[in-house]
């Protein structure tokens, strides 16, 4: 029996810190890996926590050194890194990843991207990444994180403050597009449907030739001149 209350309290605190540390270490150990169940289901890693061998810059064969791997994270460390995309293209897929944006930062996830247009976003659909509280481009609901940029608006319940990790899932099958942010549905729409065409007609993309018309394309990550980090990037072809 411990008679000294201060000693007892100190030991409790020490134990609590140790448990938190172990829990954190365990969580990190599972980052950028596939479980046996995921492997059997056909999931693939697009980032192994060690290198970016499955990525390259838009319209370039290699990748800028501004994109770096640190502590198991794929990080854009400063402006000038350029937009990047997967070396492989995808048609129907289930994509999951975690992202963390810097204070007042902005970025995005592109799907169905090609290299025909001048920019990676010329024909691609973007799922927004942004600091919802501080960035200037947050006056429109469809510009908040988890939204299909300028097309559908994510609910506030799906948002987390800048500096915290967020989870995204993007499911695209036969043009049916569904997005979750932090396990909350942020978009559910069929590309090319009457609903979709109405939404696009009210957006900045209404006169963009070729927008969202690709049946197949790259997954892309945006350089919006702000530091951003990604991990646990996984995809399953459908």
Protein backbone atom coordinates (compact mmCIF):
# COMPACT_ATOMS: atom_id res chain seq x y z
CA UNK A 1 0.00 0.00 0.00
CA UNK A 2 1.28 3.46 -0.92
CA UNK A 3 0.96 5.77 2.05
CA UNK A 4 2.35 8.91 0.43
CA UNK A 5 -0.47 10.49 -1.64
CA UNK A 6 1.96 12.61 -3.65
CA UNK A 7 3.96 9.55 -4.62
CA UNK A 8 0.78 7.68 -5.54
CA UNK A 9 -0.46 10.59 -7.68
CA UNK A 10 2.91 10.91 -9.38
CA UNK A 11 2.90 7.19 -10.25
CA UNK A 12 -0.61 7.44 -11.63
CA UNK A 13 0.43 10.38 -13.80
CA UNK A 14 3.53 8.53 -14.97
CA UNK A 15 1.45 5.48 -15.89
CA UNK A 16 -1.08 7.62 -17.77
CA UNK A 17 1.69 9.31 -19.78
CA UNK A 18 3.23 5.93 -20.57
CA UNK A 19 -0.13 4.56 -21.78
CA UNK A 20 -0.74 7.61 -24.00
CA UNK A 21 2.77 7.30 -25.42
CA UNK A 22 2.32 3.60 -26.14
CA UNK A 23 -1.07 4.23 -27.73
CA UNK A 24 0.37 6.96 -29.93
CA UNK A 25 3.30 4.76 -30.94
CA UNK A 26 0.95 1.92 -31.82
CA UNK A 27 -1.20 4.21 -33.97
CA UNK A 28 1.88 5.43 -35.84
CA UNK A 29 3.07 1.86 -36.35
CA UNK A 30 -0.12 1.09 -38.25
CA UNK A 31 0.14 4.13 -40.55
CA UNK A 32 0.76 3.51 -44.25
CA UNK A 33 0.21 -0.24 -43.96
CA UNK A 34 -2.42 -2.69 -45.14
CA UNK A 35 -4.09 -5.21 -42.88
CA UNK A 36 -4.44 -8.80 -44.05
CA UNK A 37 -8.15 -8.14 -44.57
CA UNK A 38 -7.40 -5.09 -46.74
CA UNK A 39 -4.91 -7.07 -48.81
CA UNK A 40 -7.43 -9.83 -49.39
CA UNK A 41 -10.02 -7.24 -50.45
CA UNK A 42 -7.71 -5.80 -53.10
CA UNK A 43 -6.56 -2.58 -51.42
CA UNK A 44 -3.23 -1.09 -52.53
CA UNK A 45 -1.00 1.52 -50.90
CA UNK A 46 -0.32 4.70 -52.87
CA UNK A 47 2.15 5.80 -50.18
CA UNK A 48 4.25 3.47 -48.06
CA UNK A 49 5.49 6.11 -45.61
CA UNK A 50 9.03 5.89 -47.01
CA UNK A 51 9.02 7.22 -50.56
CA UNK A 52 6.78 8.76 -53.23
CA UNK A 53 7.67 6.30 -55.98
CA UNK A 54 4.05 6.11 -57.16
CA UNK A 55 3.79 9.87 -57.70
CA UNK A 56 5.22 12.50 -60.05
CA UNK A 57 4.63 16.14 -60.84
CA UNK A 58 1.96 17.16 -63.34
CA UNK A 59 3.38 16.87 -66.87
CA UNK A 60 6.80 15.89 -65.52
CA UNK A 61 8.59 12.54 -65.14
CA UNK A 62 9.85 13.17 -61.62
CA UNK A 63 8.82 14.98 -58.44
CA UNK A 64 9.98 18.23 -56.82
CA UNK A 65 12.12 18.10 -53.69
CA UNK A 66 9.55 20.43 -52.08
CA UNK A 67 7.46 17.25 -51.71
CA UNK A 68 9.15 15.29 -48.94
CA UNK A 69 8.61 12.27 -46.72
CA UNK A 70 8.97 13.10 -43.02
CA UNK A 71 7.84 11.01 -40.05
CA UNK A 72 5.79 8.75 -42.28
CA UNK A 73 3.98 11.70 -43.89
CA UNK A 74 3.93 12.91 -47.48
CA UNK A 75 4.48 16.64 -47.04
CA UNK A 76 4.43 19.66 -49.30
CA UNK A 77 6.97 21.76 -47.42
CA UNK A 78 6.57 25.03 -49.32
CA UNK A 79 5.23 26.71 -52.43
CA UNK A 80 6.76 25.73 -55.72
CA UNK A 81 6.44 21.98 -55.26
CA UNK A 82 3.80 21.83 -57.98
CA UNK A 83 0.71 19.66 -58.25
CA UNK A 84 1.41 15.92 -58.22
CA UNK A 85 -0.47 12.90 -59.55
CA UNK A 86 -0.34 9.14 -59.47
CA UNK A 87 1.67 7.45 -62.17
CA UNK A 88 -1.25 5.09 -62.70
CA UNK A 89 -4.76 6.00 -63.84
CA UNK A 90 -8.01 4.78 -62.31
CA UNK A 91 -11.60 4.40 -63.50
CA UNK A 92 -13.87 3.08 -60.73
CA UNK A 93 -12.25 3.03 -57.30
CA UNK A 94 -12.49 3.41 -53.55
CA UNK A 95 -9.87 5.86 -52.21
CA UNK A 96 -9.07 6.68 -48.60
CA UNK A 97 -6.47 9.02 -47.13
CA UNK A 98 -5.69 11.26 -44.18
CA UNK A 99 -4.81 14.94 -44.60
CA UNK A 100 -3.63 17.78 -42.37
CA UNK A 101 -3.54 21.41 -43.49
CA UNK A 102 -1.41 24.23 -42.16
CA UNK A 103 -2.88 27.33 -40.52
CA UNK A 104 -4.72 29.40 -43.17
CA UNK A 105 -3.73 26.76 -45.72
CA UNK A 106 -5.43 25.42 -48.84
CA UNK A 107 -5.01 22.27 -50.94
CA UNK A 108 -7.13 19.66 -52.69
CA UNK A 109 -7.56 16.10 -53.93
CA UNK A 110 -8.21 15.62 -57.65
CA UNK A 111 -9.88 12.67 -59.34
CA UNK A 112 -10.17 11.87 -63.06
CA UNK A 113 -7.24 14.20 -63.75
CA UNK A 114 -5.51 14.21 -67.14
CA UNK A 115 -2.54 16.06 -68.63
CA UNK A 116 -4.29 17.42 -71.70
CA UNK A 117 -5.27 20.75 -70.18
CA UNK A 118 -2.97 23.52 -68.99
CA UNK A 119 -3.61 22.75 -65.30
CA UNK A 120 -4.22 19.58 -63.33
CA UNK A 121 -7.69 20.93 -62.49
CA UNK A 122 -8.63 21.72 -66.10
CA UNK A 123 -10.81 18.61 -66.38
CA UNK A 124 -10.56 17.07 -62.90
CA UNK A 125 -13.04 17.09 -60.03
CA UNK A 126 -11.59 18.44 -56.76
CA UNK A 127 -12.39 17.50 -53.18
CA UNK A 128 -11.45 20.55 -51.15
CA UNK A 129 -8.85 20.75 -48.39
CA UNK A 130 -8.71 24.05 -46.50
CA UNK A 131 -8.48 25.78 -43.13
CA UNK A 132 -12.20 26.52 -42.80
CA UNK A 133 -11.64 29.15 -40.13
CA UNK A 134 -8.82 31.29 -41.49
CA UNK A 135 -8.42 30.97 -45.26
CA UNK A 136 -9.99 33.73 -47.37
CA UNK A 137 -11.70 31.29 -49.75
CA UNK A 138 -14.29 30.06 -47.24
CA UNK A 139 -17.16 32.49 -47.87
CA UNK A 140 -18.93 29.95 -50.10
CA UNK A 141 -20.19 26.73 -48.47
CA UNK A 142 -19.00 24.57 -51.37
CA UNK A 143 -15.45 25.84 -50.81
CA UNK A 144 -15.15 24.28 -47.33
CA UNK A 145 -13.17 21.11 -46.66
CA UNK A 146 -14.71 17.88 -47.86
CA UNK A 147 -16.83 19.67 -50.46
CA UNK A 148 -16.67 18.92 -54.17
CA UNK A 149 -15.15 22.29 -54.90
CA UNK A 150 -17.72 24.89 -56.02
CA UNK A 151 -20.29 22.14 -56.65
CA UNK A 152 -21.50 20.50 -53.41
CA UNK A 153 -21.15 21.75 -49.82
CA UNK A 154 -19.92 19.65 -46.91
CA UNK A 155 -21.79 19.76 -43.57
CA UNK A 156 -20.14 21.61 -40.69
CA UNK A 157 -20.12 18.45 -38.58
CA UNK A 158 -17.48 16.99 -40.92
CA UNK A 159 -14.98 19.80 -40.27
CA UNK A 160 -11.93 19.80 -37.99
CA UNK A 161 -9.57 22.69 -37.15
CA UNK A 162 -6.37 23.22 -39.13
CA UNK A 163 -3.48 21.22 -37.71
CA UNK A 164 -5.62 18.14 -37.00
CA UNK A 165 -5.76 14.99 -39.10
CA UNK A 166 -8.85 14.45 -41.23
CA UNK A 167 -9.94 11.29 -43.02
CA UNK A 168 -11.36 11.32 -46.54
CA UNK A 169 -13.02 8.55 -48.50
CA UNK A 170 -13.86 9.00 -52.18
CA UNK A 171 -15.94 6.30 -53.87
CA UNK A 172 -16.35 6.54 -57.64
CA UNK A 173 -18.20 3.77 -59.45
CA UNK A 174 -19.90 4.08 -62.82
CA UNK A 175 -19.89 7.88 -62.42
CA UNK A 176 -21.61 7.64 -59.03
CA UNK A 177 -19.50 9.80 -56.72
CA UNK A 178 -19.74 9.67 -52.94
CA UNK A 179 -17.44 11.45 -50.50
CA UNK A 180 -17.02 11.11 -46.75
CA UNK A 181 -15.00 13.39 -44.49
CA UNK A 182 -14.35 12.18 -40.95
CA UNK A 183 -16.99 9.46 -41.52
CA UNK A 184 -19.68 11.97 -42.49
CA UNK A 185 -21.12 12.03 -46.02
CA UNK A 186 -20.21 15.30 -47.73
CA UNK A 187 -21.31 14.52 -51.29
CA UNK A 188 -23.48 11.94 -53.06
CA UNK A 189 -24.10 12.65 -56.72
CA UNK A 190 -23.84 10.97 -60.12
CA UNK A 191 -21.54 12.75 -62.56
CA UNK A 192 -23.41 13.60 -65.74
CA UNK A 193 -26.85 13.31 -64.15
CA UNK A 194 -29.44 16.11 -64.32
CA UNK A 195 -28.61 17.01 -60.72
CA UNK A 196 -24.89 17.15 -61.51
CA UNK A 197 -25.39 19.25 -64.64
CA UNK A 198 -27.53 21.71 -62.69
CA UNK A 199 -24.86 22.04 -59.99
CA UNK A 200 -22.07 22.48 -62.55
CA UNK A 201 -24.21 25.05 -64.40
CA UNK A 202 -24.21 27.19 -61.27
CA UNK A 203 -20.47 26.78 -60.67
CA UNK A 204 -17.26 28.30 -62.03
CA UNK A 205 -16.94 25.22 -64.24
CA UNK A 206 -20.06 25.80 -66.31
CA UNK A 207 -18.09 26.90 -69.39
CA UNK A 208 -15.02 24.70 -68.87
CA UNK A 209 -14.71 22.42 -71.88
CA UNK A 210 -14.01 18.82 -70.90
CA UNK A 211 -14.70 19.34 -67.19
CA UNK A 212 -15.47 16.02 -65.42
CA UNK A 213 -15.94 14.19 -68.74
CA UNK A 214 -13.08 11.70 -68.32
CA UNK A 215 -13.97 8.06 -67.73
CA UNK A 216 -10.49 7.39 -66.38
CA UNK A 217 -7.76 9.56 -64.88
CA UNK A 218 -5.07 10.17 -62.28
CA UNK A 219 -5.47 10.88 -58.58
CA UNK A 220 -3.87 14.25 -57.86
CA UNK A 221 -2.79 16.35 -54.87
CA UNK A 222 -2.64 20.12 -55.06
CA UNK A 223 0.11 22.62 -54.43
CA UNK A 224 -1.79 25.75 -53.38
CA UNK A 225 1.41 27.32 -52.02
CA UNK A 226 0.65 26.14 -48.47
CA UNK A 227 2.20 23.33 -46.42
CA UNK A 228 0.01 20.22 -46.29
CA UNK A 229 0.55 16.61 -45.19
CA UNK A 230 -0.94 13.27 -46.26
CA UNK A 231 -0.70 9.69 -45.02
CA UNK A 232 -2.54 6.35 -45.25
CA UNK A 233 -3.29 6.81 -48.96
CA UNK A 234 -5.02 3.60 -50.06
CA UNK A 235 -6.99 2.64 -53.15
CA UNK A 236 -9.05 -0.31 -54.30
CA UNK A 237 -9.95 -0.71 -57.96
CA UNK A 238 -13.59 -1.60 -58.50
